[in-house]
Amino acid sequence: MDNYKLGVKISWITVLINVILSVFKIIAGIVGSSSAMIADGVHTLSDVLTTFVVMIGLKISSKEADENHPYGHEKYEPVFAKILSILLLLTGIFIGYEAIKILISGNIRKPGMITLFAAFLSIVVKEGMYWYTIKTAKKIKSLSMEADAWHHRSDAFSSIGTFVGILGARLGFTALDPIAGIVVSFFVIKVGVELYIKSVRELVDESANQETINLIIEKTNSVKGVKGIKSLKTRIFGNKIFIDIEILVDSTISVKEGHDIAEKVHDTIEMEIEDIKHCMVHIEPYR
């Protein structure tokens, strides 16, 4: 199964689970008079929207290069991850705003037992969804799917805060219900900010990590005829890496021999190093 199909399969499964879970949580929040649970249910509902965004991102980024996009479509991944991070931020702000509004109004009631059960169920289900999604995201190297996985975990954090708040409210500390909502909002906002920064880094042609650079140097120097490396530039392009490298070869060899060495470097790097989409090799005289 290719990356796109696998990503879509996981996304549809999480959409179905989220719809069922969010409806149950919102109903439980209304029946059990818990503002924290209603906010938690809305947070889960937002996961459905973000998962659809992930599927769109996967579809577009998996397209082959064309006339208008000769380098491919991988950069659409961080673009959609950026959208997801903004949705996370807005979700966190909404949860916090609603909780503060209830806390200020003083219109707080003791939550029903059903809300406690719903919060516990949500913790278990959402943490399971996080691991299920993040495993696939790492496998297919999808930043937007990774963002979606963290959205699931932020919902698990949200439900932990909701559980504590509802439990405290049922024990007599009713203000803990909306306070839990405020605490949860900070967790969601934090994840949103981190994902936003990560997506921006992938859009500004940041270089590959040092481990990958060292591997490129090692593989290049292992090719017979390479006398050294004059220049090496790498840039991250979505979930792929582009390389521009200048190698030094003996100045007395023929153009054909120099070309063969460069081609060997090109093939070695692209075939033996994961995530390399294209390697441009230029030769320079050693002496």
C-alpha atoms as a PDB file:
ATOM      1  CA  MET A   1       0.000   0.000   0.000  1.00  0.00           C
ATOM      2  CA  ASP A   2       1.510   3.380  -1.040  1.00  0.00           C
ATOM      3  CA  ASN A   3       1.911   6.289   1.381  1.00  0.00           C
ATOM      4  CA  TYR A   4      -1.141   8.182   0.161  1.00  0.00           C
ATOM      5  CA  LYS A   5      -3.506   5.214   0.419  1.00  0.00           C
ATOM      6  CA  LEU A   6      -2.165   4.251   3.845  1.00  0.00           C
ATOM      7  CA  GLY A   7      -2.515   7.823   5.095  1.00  0.00           C
ATOM      8  CA  VAL A   8      -6.084   8.097   3.801  1.00  0.00           C
ATOM      9  CA  LYS A   9      -7.040   4.757   5.355  1.00  0.00           C
ATOM     10  CA  ILE A  10      -5.815   5.858   8.794  1.00  0.00           C
ATOM     11  CA  SER A  11      -7.489   9.248   8.387  1.00  0.00           C
ATOM     12  CA  TRP A  12     -10.917   7.778   7.584  1.00  0.00           C
ATOM     13  CA  ILE A  13     -10.705   5.463  10.604  1.00  0.00           C
ATOM     14  CA  THR A  14      -9.871   8.390  12.912  1.00  0.00           C
ATOM     15  CA  VAL A  15     -12.678  10.499  11.397  1.00  0.00           C
ATOM     16  CA  LEU A  16     -15.236   7.809  12.209  1.00  0.00           C
ATOM     17  CA  ILE A  17     -13.968   7.386  15.777  1.00  0.00           C
ATOM     18  CA  ASN A  18     -13.875  11.154  16.337  1.00  0.00           C
ATOM     19  CA  VAL A  19     -17.424  11.701  15.114  1.00  0.00           C
ATOM     20  CA  ILE A  20     -18.789   9.021  17.465  1.00  0.00           C
ATOM     21  CA  LEU A  21     -16.672  10.215  20.393  1.00  0.00           C
ATOM     22  CA  SER A  22     -17.447  13.925  19.946  1.00  0.00           C
ATOM     23  CA  VAL A  23     -21.204  13.328  19.743  1.00  0.00           C
ATOM     24  CA  PHE A  24     -21.075  11.221  22.921  1.00  0.00           C
ATOM     25  CA  LYS A  25     -18.987  13.823  24.790  1.00  0.00           C
ATOM     26  CA  ILE A  26     -21.178  16.768  23.799  1.00  0.00           C
ATOM     27  CA  ILE A  27     -24.344  14.887  24.794  1.00  0.00           C
ATOM     28  CA  ALA A  28     -22.684  13.824  28.061  1.00  0.00           C
ATOM     29  CA  GLY A  29     -21.666  17.439  28.711  1.00  0.00           C
ATOM     30  CA  ILE A  30     -25.196  18.729  28.122  1.00  0.00           C
ATOM     31  CA  VAL A  31     -26.885  15.974  30.160  1.00  0.00           C
ATOM     32  CA  GLY A  32     -24.264  16.133  32.907  1.00  0.00           C
ATOM     33  CA  SER A  33     -24.102  19.964  33.044  1.00  0.00           C
ATOM     34  CA  SER A  34     -20.348  20.175  32.450  1.00  0.00           C
ATOM     35  CA  SER A  35     -18.875  23.110  30.531  1.00  0.00           C
ATOM     36  CA  ALA A  36     -15.487  21.372  30.470  1.00  0.00           C
ATOM     37  CA  MET A  37     -16.985  18.277  28.812  1.00  0.00           C
ATOM     38  CA  ILE A  38     -18.856  20.311  26.208  1.00  0.00           C
ATOM     39  CA  ALA A  39     -15.617  22.159  25.362  1.00  0.00           C
ATOM     40  CA  ASP A  40     -13.822  18.824  25.210  1.00  0.00           C
ATOM     41  CA  GLY A  41     -16.438  17.523  22.799  1.00  0.00           C
ATOM     42  CA  VAL A  42     -16.025  20.569  20.560  1.00  0.00           C
ATOM     43  CA  HIS A  43     -12.267  19.994  20.622  1.00  0.00           C
ATOM     44  CA  THR A  44     -12.793  16.421  19.409  1.00  0.00           C
ATOM     45  CA  LEU A  45     -15.150  17.668  16.686  1.00  0.00           C
ATOM     46  CA  SER A  46     -12.389  19.987  15.468  1.00  0.00           C
ATOM     47  CA  ASP A  47     -10.239  16.885  14.958  1.00  0.00           C
ATOM     48  CA  VAL A  48     -12.641  15.790  12.217  1.00  0.00           C
ATOM     49  CA  LEU A  49     -11.983  19.016  10.314  1.00  0.00           C
ATOM     50  CA  THR A  50      -8.215  18.770  10.718  1.00  0.00           C
ATOM     51  CA  THR A  51      -8.189  15.165   9.541  1.00  0.00           C
ATOM     52  CA  PHE A  52      -9.971  16.188   6.344  1.00  0.00           C
ATOM     53  CA  VAL A  53      -7.301  18.848   5.864  1.00  0.00           C
ATOM     54  CA  VAL A  54      -4.649  16.125   6.309  1.00  0.00           C
ATOM     55  CA  MET A  55      -6.258  13.976   3.597  1.00  0.00           C
ATOM     56  CA  ILE A  56      -6.283  16.908   1.178  1.00  0.00           C
ATOM     57  CA  GLY A  57      -2.629  17.604   1.968  1.00  0.00           C
ATOM     58  CA  LEU A  58      -1.638  13.974   1.449  1.00  0.00           C
ATOM     59  CA  LYS A  59      -3.437  13.829  -1.905  1.00  0.00           C
ATOM     60  CA  ILE A  60      -1.798  16.983  -3.255  1.00  0.00           C
ATOM     61  CA  SER A  61       1.720  16.323  -1.911  1.00  0.00           C
ATOM     62  CA  SER A  62       1.745  12.774  -3.322  1.00  0.00           C
ATOM     63  CA  LYS A  63       1.257  14.028  -6.909  1.00  0.00           C
ATOM     64  CA  GLU A  64       4.132  13.607  -9.347  1.00  0.00           C
ATOM     65  CA  ALA A  65       6.106  16.591 -10.641  1.00  0.00           C
ATOM     66  CA  ASP A  66       4.453  18.482 -13.490  1.00  0.00           C
ATOM     67  CA  GLU A  67       5.134  21.487 -15.736  1.00  0.00           C
ATOM     68  CA  ASN A  68       4.146  24.014 -13.055  1.00  0.00           C
ATOM     69  CA  HIS A  69       5.774  22.080 -10.186  1.00  0.00           C
ATOM     70  CA  PRO A  70       8.976  20.560 -11.678  1.00  0.00           C
ATOM     71  CA  TYR A  71      10.382  19.793  -8.217  1.00  0.00           C
ATOM     72  CA  GLY A  72       7.238  18.004  -7.048  1.00  0.00           C
ATOM     73  CA  HIS A  73       4.455  18.857  -4.586  1.00  0.00           C
ATOM     74  CA  GLU A  74       6.030  17.855  -1.252  1.00  0.00           C
ATOM     75  CA  LYS A  75       5.973  21.414   0.096  1.00  0.00           C
ATOM     76  CA  TYR A  76       2.198  21.247   0.277  1.00  0.00           C
ATOM     77  CA  GLU A  77       2.719  19.018   3.336  1.00  0.00           C
ATOM     78  CA  PRO A  78       4.099  21.787   5.598  1.00  0.00           C
ATOM     79  CA  VAL A  79       1.555  24.232   4.107  1.00  0.00           C
ATOM     80  CA  PHE A  80      -1.304  22.049   5.331  1.00  0.00           C
ATOM     81  CA  ALA A  81       0.523  21.362   8.599  1.00  0.00           C
ATOM     82  CA  LYS A  82       0.626  25.129   9.068  1.00  0.00           C
ATOM     83  CA  ILE A  83      -3.139  25.305   8.561  1.00  0.00           C
ATOM     84  CA  LEU A  84      -3.571  22.529  11.137  1.00  0.00           C
ATOM     85  CA  SER A  85      -1.403  24.359  13.660  1.00  0.00           C
ATOM     86  CA  ILE A  86      -3.561  27.480  13.281  1.00  0.00           C
ATOM     87  CA  LEU A  87      -6.694  25.365  13.822  1.00  0.00           C
ATOM     88  CA  LEU A  88      -5.090  23.997  16.990  1.00  0.00           C
ATOM     89  CA  LEU A  89      -4.362  27.531  18.200  1.00  0.00           C
ATOM     90  CA  LEU A  90      -7.926  28.647  17.514  1.00  0.00           C
ATOM     91  CA  THR A  91      -9.288  25.552  19.271  1.00  0.00           C
ATOM     92  CA  GLY A  92      -7.170  26.264  22.344  1.00  0.00           C
ATOM     93  CA  ILE A  93      -8.246  29.903  22.437  1.00  0.00           C
ATOM     94  CA  PHE A  94     -11.918  28.910  22.076  1.00  0.00           C
ATOM     95  CA  ILE A  95     -11.721  26.392  24.941  1.00  0.00           C
ATOM     96  CA  GLY A  96     -10.004  28.912  27.202  1.00  0.00           C
ATOM     97  CA  TYR A  97     -12.457  31.698  26.338  1.00  0.00           C
ATOM     98  CA  GLU A  98     -15.519  29.573  27.047  1.00  0.00           C
ATOM     99  CA  ALA A  99     -14.075  28.346  30.361  1.00  0.00           C
ATOM    100  CA  ILE A 100     -13.179  31.881  31.503  1.00  0.00           C
ATOM    101  CA  LYS A 101     -16.636  33.130  30.557  1.00  0.00           C
ATOM    102  CA  ILE A 102     -18.314  30.452  32.706  1.00  0.00           C
ATOM    103  CA  LEU A 103     -15.907  31.040  35.596  1.00  0.00           C
ATOM    104  CA  ILE A 104     -16.604  34.794  35.594  1.00  0.00           C
ATOM    105  CA  SER A 105     -20.372  34.329  35.353  1.00  0.00           C
ATOM    106  CA  GLY A 106     -20.377  32.058  38.404  1.00  0.00           C
ATOM    107  CA  ASN A 107     -23.061  29.928  36.761  1.00  0.00           C
ATOM    108  CA  ILE A 108     -21.389  26.620  37.664  1.00  0.00           C
ATOM    109  CA  ARG A 109     -23.249  23.416  38.407  1.00  0.00           C
ATOM    110  CA  LYS A 110     -22.076  20.054  39.735  1.00  0.00           C
ATOM    111  CA  PRO A 111     -21.374  17.759  36.761  1.00  0.00           C
ATOM    112  CA  GLY A 112     -23.157  14.417  36.440  1.00  0.00           C
ATOM    113  CA  MET A 113     -21.451  11.026  36.709  1.00  0.00           C
ATOM    114  CA  ILE A 114     -21.793  10.429  32.954  1.00  0.00           C
ATOM    115  CA  THR A 115     -19.310  13.234  32.270  1.00  0.00           C
ATOM    116  CA  LEU A 116     -16.667  11.533  34.412  1.00  0.00           C
ATOM    117  CA  PHE A 117     -17.098   8.317  32.436  1.00  0.00           C
ATOM    118  CA  ALA A 118     -16.986  10.208  29.131  1.00  0.00           C
ATOM    119  CA  ALA A 119     -13.741  11.945  30.128  1.00  0.00           C
ATOM    120  CA  PHE A 120     -12.072   8.648  31.076  1.00  0.00           C
ATOM    121  CA  LEU A 121     -13.211   7.001  27.838  1.00  0.00           C
ATOM    122  CA  SER A 122     -11.902   9.949  25.843  1.00  0.00           C
ATOM    123  CA  ILE A 123      -8.452   9.735  27.469  1.00  0.00           C
ATOM    124  CA  VAL A 124      -8.087   6.070  26.521  1.00  0.00           C
ATOM    125  CA  VAL A 125      -9.478   6.410  22.994  1.00  0.00           C
ATOM    126  CA  LYS A 126      -7.605   9.603  22.053  1.00  0.00           C
ATOM    127  CA  GLU A 127      -4.241   8.386  23.360  1.00  0.00           C
ATOM    128  CA  GLY A 128      -4.743   5.192  21.338  1.00  0.00           C
ATOM    129  CA  MET A 129      -5.537   7.293  18.256  1.00  0.00           C
ATOM    130  CA  TYR A 130      -2.374   9.330  18.819  1.00  0.00           C
ATOM    131  CA  TRP A 131      -0.130   6.246  18.746  1.00  0.00           C
ATOM    132  CA  TYR A 132      -2.046   4.750  15.830  1.00  0.00           C
ATOM    133  CA  THR A 133      -1.642   7.931  13.753  1.00  0.00           C
ATOM    134  CA  ILE A 134       1.893   8.916  14.773  1.00  0.00           C
ATOM    135  CA  LYS A 135       3.203   5.460  13.847  1.00  0.00           C
ATOM    136  CA  THR A 136       1.867   5.870  10.312  1.00  0.00           C
ATOM    137  CA  ALA A 137       2.996   9.522  10.114  1.00  0.00           C
ATOM    138  CA  LYS A 138       6.587   8.498  10.915  1.00  0.00           C
ATOM    139  CA  LYS A 139       6.396   5.624   8.440  1.00  0.00           C
ATOM    140  CA  ILE A 140       5.232   7.739   5.500  1.00  0.00           C
ATOM    141  CA  LYS A 141       7.036  10.880   6.768  1.00  0.00           C
ATOM    142  CA  SER A 142       3.950  13.078   6.687  1.00  0.00           C
ATOM    143  CA  LEU A 143       4.216  16.301   8.684  1.00  0.00           C
ATOM    144  CA  SER A 144       0.511  17.090   8.361  1.00  0.00           C
ATOM    145  CA  MET A 145      -0.410  13.603   9.622  1.00  0.00           C
ATOM    146  CA  GLU A 146       2.041  14.078  12.499  1.00  0.00           C
ATOM    147  CA  ALA A 147       0.268  17.340  13.283  1.00  0.00           C
ATOM    148  CA  ASP A 148      -3.034  15.476  13.235  1.00  0.00           C
ATOM    149  CA  ALA A 149      -1.613  12.874  15.636  1.00  0.00           C
ATOM    150  CA  TRP A 150      -0.642  15.632  18.047  1.00  0.00           C
ATOM    151  CA  HIS A 151      -4.144  17.006  17.715  1.00  0.00           C
ATOM    152  CA  HIS A 152      -5.376  13.627  18.991  1.00  0.00           C
ATOM    153  CA  ARG A 153      -2.934  13.776  21.901  1.00  0.00           C
ATOM    154  CA  SER A 154      -3.922  17.350  22.715  1.00  0.00           C
ATOM    155  CA  ASP A 155      -7.473  16.026  22.971  1.00  0.00           C
ATOM    156  CA  ALA A 156      -6.228  13.326  25.374  1.00  0.00           C
ATOM    157  CA  PHE A 157      -4.569  16.067  27.463  1.00  0.00           C
ATOM    158  CA  SER A 158      -7.797  17.990  27.265  1.00  0.00           C
ATOM    159  CA  SER A 159      -9.716  14.996  28.576  1.00  0.00           C
ATOM    160  CA  ILE A 160      -7.251  14.492  31.442  1.00  0.00           C
ATOM    161  CA  GLY A 161      -7.834  18.083  32.533  1.00  0.00           C
ATOM    162  CA  THR A 162     -11.550  17.593  32.049  1.00  0.00           C
ATOM    163  CA  PHE A 163     -11.518  14.411  34.148  1.00  0.00           C
ATOM    164  CA  VAL A 164      -9.665  16.118  37.010  1.00  0.00           C
ATOM    165  CA  GLY A 165     -11.928  19.161  36.834  1.00  0.00           C
ATOM    166  CA  ILE A 166     -15.127  17.113  36.794  1.00  0.00           C
ATOM    167  CA  LEU A 167     -13.906  14.879  39.623  1.00  0.00           C
ATOM    168  CA  GLY A 168     -13.050  17.924  41.727  1.00  0.00           C
ATOM    169  CA  ALA A 169     -16.381  19.569  40.892  1.00  0.00           C
ATOM    170  CA  ARG A 170     -18.258  16.424  41.933  1.00  0.00           C
ATOM    171  CA  LEU A 171     -16.362  16.457  45.224  1.00  0.00           C
ATOM    172  CA  GLY A 172     -17.624  19.975  45.895  1.00  0.00           C
ATOM    173  CA  PHE A 173     -15.052  22.203  44.203  1.00  0.00           C
ATOM    174  CA  THR A 174     -17.318  23.261  41.334  1.00  0.00           C
ATOM    175  CA  ALA A 175     -14.953  25.966  40.055  1.00  0.00           C
ATOM    176  CA  LEU A 176     -12.511  23.231  39.039  1.00  0.00           C
ATOM    177  CA  ASP A 177     -14.690  22.358  36.039  1.00  0.00           C
ATOM    178  CA  PRO A 178     -14.118  25.630  34.120  1.00  0.00           C
ATOM    179  CA  ILE A 179     -10.578  25.951  35.534  1.00  0.00           C
ATOM    180  CA  ALA A 180      -9.792  22.588  33.949  1.00  0.00           C
ATOM    181  CA  GLY A 181     -10.951  24.014  30.633  1.00  0.00           C
ATOM    182  CA  ILE A 182      -8.525  26.932  30.974  1.00  0.00           C
ATOM    183  CA  VAL A 183      -5.581  24.643  31.800  1.00  0.00           C
ATOM    184  CA  VAL A 184      -6.402  22.419  28.841  1.00  0.00           C
ATOM    185  CA  SER A 185      -6.463  25.414  26.495  1.00  0.00           C
ATOM    186  CA  PHE A 186      -2.822  26.159  27.325  1.00  0.00           C
ATOM    187  CA  PHE A 187      -1.799  22.605  26.371  1.00  0.00           C
ATOM    188  CA  VAL A 188      -3.590  22.911  23.031  1.00  0.00           C
ATOM    189  CA  ILE A 189      -2.118  26.347  22.275  1.00  0.00           C
ATOM    190  CA  LYS A 190       1.411  25.109  23.120  1.00  0.00           C
ATOM    191  CA  VAL A 191       1.153  22.206  20.663  1.00  0.00           C
ATOM    192  CA  GLY A 192      -0.242  24.569  18.008  1.00  0.00           C
ATOM    193  CA  VAL A 193       2.696  26.968  18.378  1.00  0.00           C
ATOM    194  CA  GLU A 194       5.263  24.155  18.195  1.00  0.00           C
ATOM    195  CA  LEU A 195       3.717  22.691  15.049  1.00  0.00           C
ATOM    196  CA  TYR A 196       3.495  26.134  13.449  1.00  0.00           C
ATOM    197  CA  ILE A 197       7.230  26.691  13.997  1.00  0.00           C
ATOM    198  CA  LYS A 198       8.037  23.222  12.645  1.00  0.00           C
ATOM    199  CA  SER A 199       5.982  23.766   9.488  1.00  0.00           C
ATOM    200  CA  VAL A 200       7.614  27.157   8.855  1.00  0.00           C
ATOM    201  CA  ARG A 201      11.066  25.551   9.109  1.00  0.00           C
ATOM    202  CA  GLU A 202      10.132  23.149   6.318  1.00  0.00           C
ATOM    203  CA  LEU A 203       8.983  26.018   4.095  1.00  0.00           C
ATOM    204  CA  VAL A 204      12.177  28.079   4.285  1.00  0.00           C
ATOM    205  CA  ASP A 205      14.599  25.546   2.742  1.00  0.00           C
ATOM    206  CA  GLU A 206      16.295  24.644   6.003  1.00  0.00           C
ATOM    207  CA  SER A 207      19.263  22.298   5.658  1.00  0.00           C
ATOM    208  CA  ALA A 208      19.111  18.594   6.495  1.00  0.00           C
ATOM    209  CA  ASN A 209      20.198  17.467   9.958  1.00  0.00           C
ATOM    210  CA  GLN A 210      23.877  16.913  10.717  1.00  0.00           C
ATOM    211  CA  GLU A 211      23.504  13.131  10.739  1.00  0.00           C
ATOM    212  CA  THR A 212      22.238  13.170   7.146  1.00  0.00           C
ATOM    213  CA  ILE A 213      24.958  15.619   6.062  1.00  0.00           C
ATOM    214  CA  ASN A 214      27.666  13.407   7.596  1.00  0.00           C
ATOM    215  CA  LEU A 215      26.206  10.401   5.762  1.00  0.00           C
ATOM    216  CA  ILE A 216      26.258  12.296   2.449  1.00  0.00           C
ATOM    217  CA  ILE A 217      29.922  13.200   3.005  1.00  0.00           C
ATOM    218  CA  GLU A 218      30.769   9.595   3.907  1.00  0.00           C
ATOM    219  CA  LYS A 219      29.005   8.115   0.856  1.00  0.00           C
ATOM    220  CA  THR A 220      30.547  10.700  -1.492  1.00  0.00           C
ATOM    221  CA  ASN A 221      34.087  10.143  -0.273  1.00  0.00           C
ATOM    222  CA  SER A 222      33.618   6.386  -0.631  1.00  0.00           C
ATOM    223  CA  VAL A 223      33.248   6.709  -4.417  1.00  0.00           C
ATOM    224  CA  LYS A 224      36.450   5.880  -6.274  1.00  0.00           C
ATOM    225  CA  GLY A 225      37.891   8.944  -8.012  1.00  0.00           C
ATOM    226  CA  VAL A 226      36.508  11.551  -5.580  1.00  0.00           C
ATOM    227  CA  LYS A 227      39.399  13.575  -4.177  1.00  0.00           C
ATOM    228  CA  GLY A 228      37.273  15.669  -1.837  1.00  0.00           C
ATOM    229  CA  ILE A 229      34.213  17.852  -1.474  1.00  0.00           C
ATOM    230  CA  LYS A 230      34.416  21.541  -2.318  1.00  0.00           C
ATOM    231  CA  SER A 231      30.847  22.506  -1.485  1.00  0.00           C
ATOM    232  CA  LEU A 232      27.747  20.775  -0.081  1.00  0.00           C
ATOM    233  CA  LYS A 233      24.300  22.309   0.214  1.00  0.00           C
ATOM    234  CA  THR A 234      21.121  20.538   1.332  1.00  0.00           C
ATOM    235  CA  ARG A 235      17.551  21.760   1.631  1.00  0.00           C
ATOM    236  CA  ILE A 236      14.450  20.162   3.033  1.00  0.00           C
ATOM    237  CA  PHE A 237      11.569  20.103   0.575  1.00  0.00           C
ATOM    238  CA  GLY A 238       8.498  18.896   2.454  1.00  0.00           C
ATOM    239  CA  ASN A 239       9.416  15.352   3.530  1.00  0.00           C
ATOM    240  CA  LYS A 240      12.219  15.055   0.970  1.00  0.00           C
ATOM    241  CA  ILE A 241      15.769  16.426   0.647  1.00  0.00           C
ATOM    242  CA  PHE A 242      17.497  18.092  -2.302  1.00  0.00           C
ATOM    243  CA  ILE A 243      21.304  18.142  -2.553  1.00  0.00           C
ATOM    244  CA  ASP A 244      23.757  20.338  -4.469  1.00  0.00           C
ATOM    245  CA  ILE A 245      27.315  19.065  -4.165  1.00  0.00           C
ATOM    246  CA  GLU A 246      30.614  20.031  -5.798  1.00  0.00           C
ATOM    247  CA  ILE A 247      33.195  17.247  -5.818  1.00  0.00           C
ATOM    248  CA  LEU A 248      36.901  17.426  -6.589  1.00  0.00           C
ATOM    249  CA  VAL A 249      38.337  15.062  -9.208  1.00  0.00           C
ATOM    250  CA  ASP A 250      41.749  14.675 -10.805  1.00  0.00           C
ATOM    251  CA  SER A 251      42.202  17.479 -13.355  1.00  0.00           C
ATOM    252  CA  THR A 252      44.064  15.200 -15.784  1.00  0.00           C
ATOM    253  CA  ILE A 253      41.209  12.752 -16.394  1.00  0.00           C
ATOM    254  CA  SER A 254      38.869  12.993 -19.392  1.00  0.00           C
ATOM    255  CA  VAL A 255      35.441  14.651 -19.343  1.00  0.00           C
ATOM    256  CA  LYS A 256      33.886  11.189 -19.704  1.00  0.00           C
ATOM    257  CA  GLU A 257      35.769   9.866 -16.660  1.00  0.00           C
ATOM    258  CA  GLY A 258      34.762  12.913 -14.628  1.00  0.00           C
ATOM    259  CA  HIS A 259      31.146  12.465 -15.688  1.00  0.00           C
ATOM    260  CA  ASP A 260      31.210   8.792 -14.677  1.00  0.00           C
ATOM    261  CA  ILE A 261      32.502   9.675 -11.209  1.00  0.00           C
ATOM    262  CA  ALA A 262      29.806  12.335 -10.770  1.00  0.00           C
ATOM    263  CA  GLU A 263      27.124   9.895 -11.913  1.00  0.00           C
ATOM    264  CA  LYS A 264      28.381   7.293  -9.443  1.00  0.00           C
ATOM    265  CA  VAL A 265      28.182   9.864  -6.619  1.00  0.00           C
ATOM    266  CA  HIS A 266      24.665  10.808  -7.730  1.00  0.00           C
ATOM    267  CA  ASP A 267      23.441   7.199  -7.832  1.00  0.00           C
ATOM    268  CA  THR A 268      25.111   6.269  -4.535  1.00  0.00           C
ATOM    269  CA  ILE A 269      23.543   9.164  -2.642  1.00  0.00           C
ATOM    270  CA  GLU A 270      20.052   8.776  -4.113  1.00  0.00           C
ATOM    271  CA  MET A 271      19.973   4.988  -3.729  1.00  0.00           C
ATOM    272  CA  GLU A 272      21.659   4.563  -0.342  1.00  0.00           C
ATOM    273  CA  ILE A 273      20.369   7.539   1.666  1.00  0.00           C
ATOM    274  CA  GLU A 274      16.711   7.647   2.626  1.00  0.00           C
ATOM    275  CA  ASP A 275      14.519  10.645   1.715  1.00  0.00           C
ATOM    276  CA  ILE A 276      16.889  12.065  -0.918  1.00  0.00           C
ATOM    277  CA  LYS A 277      14.708  13.133  -3.834  1.00  0.00           C
ATOM    278  CA  HIS A 278      17.390  14.639  -6.076  1.00  0.00           C
ATOM    279  CA  CYS A 279      21.145  15.118  -5.995  1.00  0.00           C
ATOM    280  CA  MET A 280      22.875  17.566  -8.316  1.00  0.00           C
ATOM    281  CA  VAL A 281      26.598  16.837  -8.675  1.00  0.00           C
ATOM    282  CA  HIS A 282      29.111  19.313 -10.119  1.00  0.00           C
ATOM    283  CA  ILE A 283      32.781  18.475 -10.672  1.00  0.00           C
ATOM    284  CA  GLU A 284      35.789  20.729  -9.991  1.00  0.00           C
ATOM    285  CA  PRO A 285      39.475  20.071 -10.756  1.00  0.00           C
ATOM    286  CA  TYR A 286      41.468  18.836  -7.754  1.00  0.00           C
ATOM    287  CA  ARG A 287      44.807  20.127  -9.045  1.00  0.00           C
END
